[in-house]
Amino acid sequence: MIPYGGMSEQTITYHVPGVSCEHCRTAIEREVGPLPGITSVAVDLDRKTVTVTGGPLDEAAVAAAIDAAGYDVEPR
C-alpha cells in the first residue's frame, strides 16, 4: 500500500518497560496517536512494546510523546 503522496509507510517498535495495564495503553495512545503521520499505535503489554505505523515517522517525536505520557523508552 502506498499512501497519499507516494510515501511508503514505516513501522517502528519501541521497548517501553513500564507499560503494564490498560491505563498505560490509553495514555500512550492519546499522546502518540495525534502525531503527524501516525496511522496506528499498538501497545503490547506482555512484550512491553509500542509499535507505531505511518509515514513519514519522526522517531524522536514518537519517543518524546511516549515520555510525555509518563513512560521511559529504552534504546532499540
C-alpha atoms as a PDB file:
ATOM      1  CA  MET A   1       0.000   0.000   0.000  1.00  0.00           C
ATOM      2  CA  ILE A   2       1.309   3.427  -0.891  1.00  0.00           C
ATOM      3  CA  PRO A   3      -0.375   6.270   0.990  1.00  0.00           C
ATOM      4  CA  TYR A   4      -1.127   9.718  -0.353  1.00  0.00           C
ATOM      5  CA  GLY A   5       1.938  11.465  -1.733  1.00  0.00           C
ATOM      6  CA  GLY A   6       3.681   8.248  -2.754  1.00  0.00           C
ATOM      7  CA  MET A   7       5.454   7.843   0.587  1.00  0.00           C
ATOM      8  CA  SER A   8       5.596   4.337   1.938  1.00  0.00           C
ATOM      9  CA  GLU A   9       4.529   3.550   5.463  1.00  0.00           C
ATOM     10  CA  GLN A  10       7.033   2.723   8.167  1.00  0.00           C
ATOM     11  CA  THR A  11       6.619   0.584  11.254  1.00  0.00           C
ATOM     12  CA  ILE A  12       8.782   1.268  14.298  1.00  0.00           C
ATOM     13  CA  THR A  13       8.713  -0.625  17.581  1.00  0.00           C
ATOM     14  CA  TYR A  14       9.877   0.897  20.864  1.00  0.00           C
ATOM     15  CA  HIS A  15      10.673  -1.046  24.039  1.00  0.00           C
ATOM     16  CA  VAL A  16       8.774   0.570  26.920  1.00  0.00           C
ATOM     17  CA  PRO A  17       9.386  -1.482  30.078  1.00  0.00           C
ATOM     18  CA  GLY A  18       6.963   0.497  32.257  1.00  0.00           C
ATOM     19  CA  VAL A  19       3.748  -0.445  30.425  1.00  0.00           C
ATOM     20  CA  SER A  20       1.630  -2.882  32.392  1.00  0.00           C
ATOM     21  CA  CYS A  21      -2.077  -2.040  32.206  1.00  0.00           C
ATOM     22  CA  GLU A  22      -4.920  -0.528  30.194  1.00  0.00           C
ATOM     23  CA  HIS A  23      -4.203   2.897  31.708  1.00  0.00           C
ATOM     24  CA  CYS A  24      -0.689   2.691  30.245  1.00  0.00           C
ATOM     25  CA  ARG A  25      -2.081   1.728  26.834  1.00  0.00           C
ATOM     26  CA  THR A  26      -4.601   4.581  26.847  1.00  0.00           C
ATOM     27  CA  ALA A  27      -2.073   7.199  27.999  1.00  0.00           C
ATOM     28  CA  ILE A  28       0.396   6.259  25.261  1.00  0.00           C
ATOM     29  CA  GLU A  29      -2.261   6.058  22.541  1.00  0.00           C
ATOM     30  CA  ARG A  30      -3.544   9.546  23.497  1.00  0.00           C
ATOM     31  CA  GLU A  31      -0.047  11.074  23.276  1.00  0.00           C
ATOM     32  CA  VAL A  32       1.283   9.248  20.217  1.00  0.00           C
ATOM     33  CA  GLY A  33      -1.862   8.890  18.089  1.00  0.00           C
ATOM     34  CA  PRO A  34      -2.275  12.583  17.206  1.00  0.00           C
ATOM     35  CA  LEU A  35       1.319  12.996  15.951  1.00  0.00           C
ATOM     36  CA  PRO A  36       1.671  13.838  12.253  1.00  0.00           C
ATOM     37  CA  GLY A  37       1.901  10.782  10.019  1.00  0.00           C
ATOM     38  CA  ILE A  38       0.740   8.238  12.615  1.00  0.00           C
ATOM     39  CA  THR A  39      -1.838   5.796  11.240  1.00  0.00           C
ATOM     40  CA  SER A  40      -1.807   3.265  14.090  1.00  0.00           C
ATOM     41  CA  VAL A  41      -0.444   2.753  17.607  1.00  0.00           C
ATOM     42  CA  ALA A  42      -0.272  -0.719  19.151  1.00  0.00           C
ATOM     43  CA  VAL A  43       0.739  -1.199  22.791  1.00  0.00           C
ATOM     44  CA  ASP A  44       1.673  -4.787  23.677  1.00  0.00           C
ATOM     45  CA  LEU A  45       1.514  -5.097  27.457  1.00  0.00           C
ATOM     46  CA  ASP A  46       3.046  -8.591  27.515  1.00  0.00           C
ATOM     47  CA  ARG A  47       6.056  -7.697  25.360  1.00  0.00           C
ATOM     48  CA  LYS A  48       6.259  -4.167  26.775  1.00  0.00           C
ATOM     49  CA  THR A  49       6.416  -2.604  23.335  1.00  0.00           C
ATOM     50  CA  VAL A  50       4.804   0.244  21.459  1.00  0.00           C
ATOM     51  CA  THR A  51       4.580  -0.206  17.700  1.00  0.00           C
ATOM     52  CA  VAL A  52       3.675   2.758  15.509  1.00  0.00           C
ATOM     53  CA  THR A  53       2.857   2.748  11.828  1.00  0.00           C
ATOM     54  CA  GLY A  54       2.643   5.689   9.480  1.00  0.00           C
ATOM     55  CA  GLY A  55       4.747   7.820   7.294  1.00  0.00           C
ATOM     56  CA  PRO A  56       6.868   9.673   7.466  1.00  0.00           C
ATOM     57  CA  LEU A  57       7.560   8.979  11.141  1.00  0.00           C
ATOM     58  CA  ASP A  58       9.623  11.223  13.380  1.00  0.00           C
ATOM     59  CA  GLU A  59      11.237   8.713  15.750  1.00  0.00           C
ATOM     60  CA  ALA A  60      12.323  11.395  18.222  1.00  0.00           C
ATOM     61  CA  ALA A  61       8.814  12.886  18.340  1.00  0.00           C
ATOM     62  CA  VAL A  62       7.279   9.467  18.998  1.00  0.00           C
ATOM     63  CA  ALA A  63       9.789   8.763  21.791  1.00  0.00           C
ATOM     64  CA  ALA A  64       9.078  12.221  23.265  1.00  0.00           C
ATOM     65  CA  ALA A  65       5.313  11.550  23.166  1.00  0.00           C
ATOM     66  CA  ILE A  66       5.778   8.236  24.983  1.00  0.00           C
ATOM     67  CA  ASP A  67       7.898  10.093  27.544  1.00  0.00           C
ATOM     68  CA  ALA A  68       5.194  12.782  27.869  1.00  0.00           C
ATOM     69  CA  ALA A  69       2.723  10.002  28.661  1.00  0.00           C
ATOM     70  CA  GLY A  70       4.969   9.108  31.597  1.00  0.00           C
ATOM     71  CA  TYR A  71       6.968   6.146  30.250  1.00  0.00           C
ATOM     72  CA  ASP A  72      10.647   5.671  29.506  1.00  0.00           C
ATOM     73  CA  VAL A  73      11.713   4.394  26.096  1.00  0.00           C
ATOM     74  CA  GLU A  74      14.702   2.059  26.013  1.00  0.00           C
ATOM     75  CA  PRO A  75      17.042   2.146  23.019  1.00  0.00           C
ATOM     76  CA  ARG A  76      16.175  -0.284  20.263  1.00  0.00           C
END
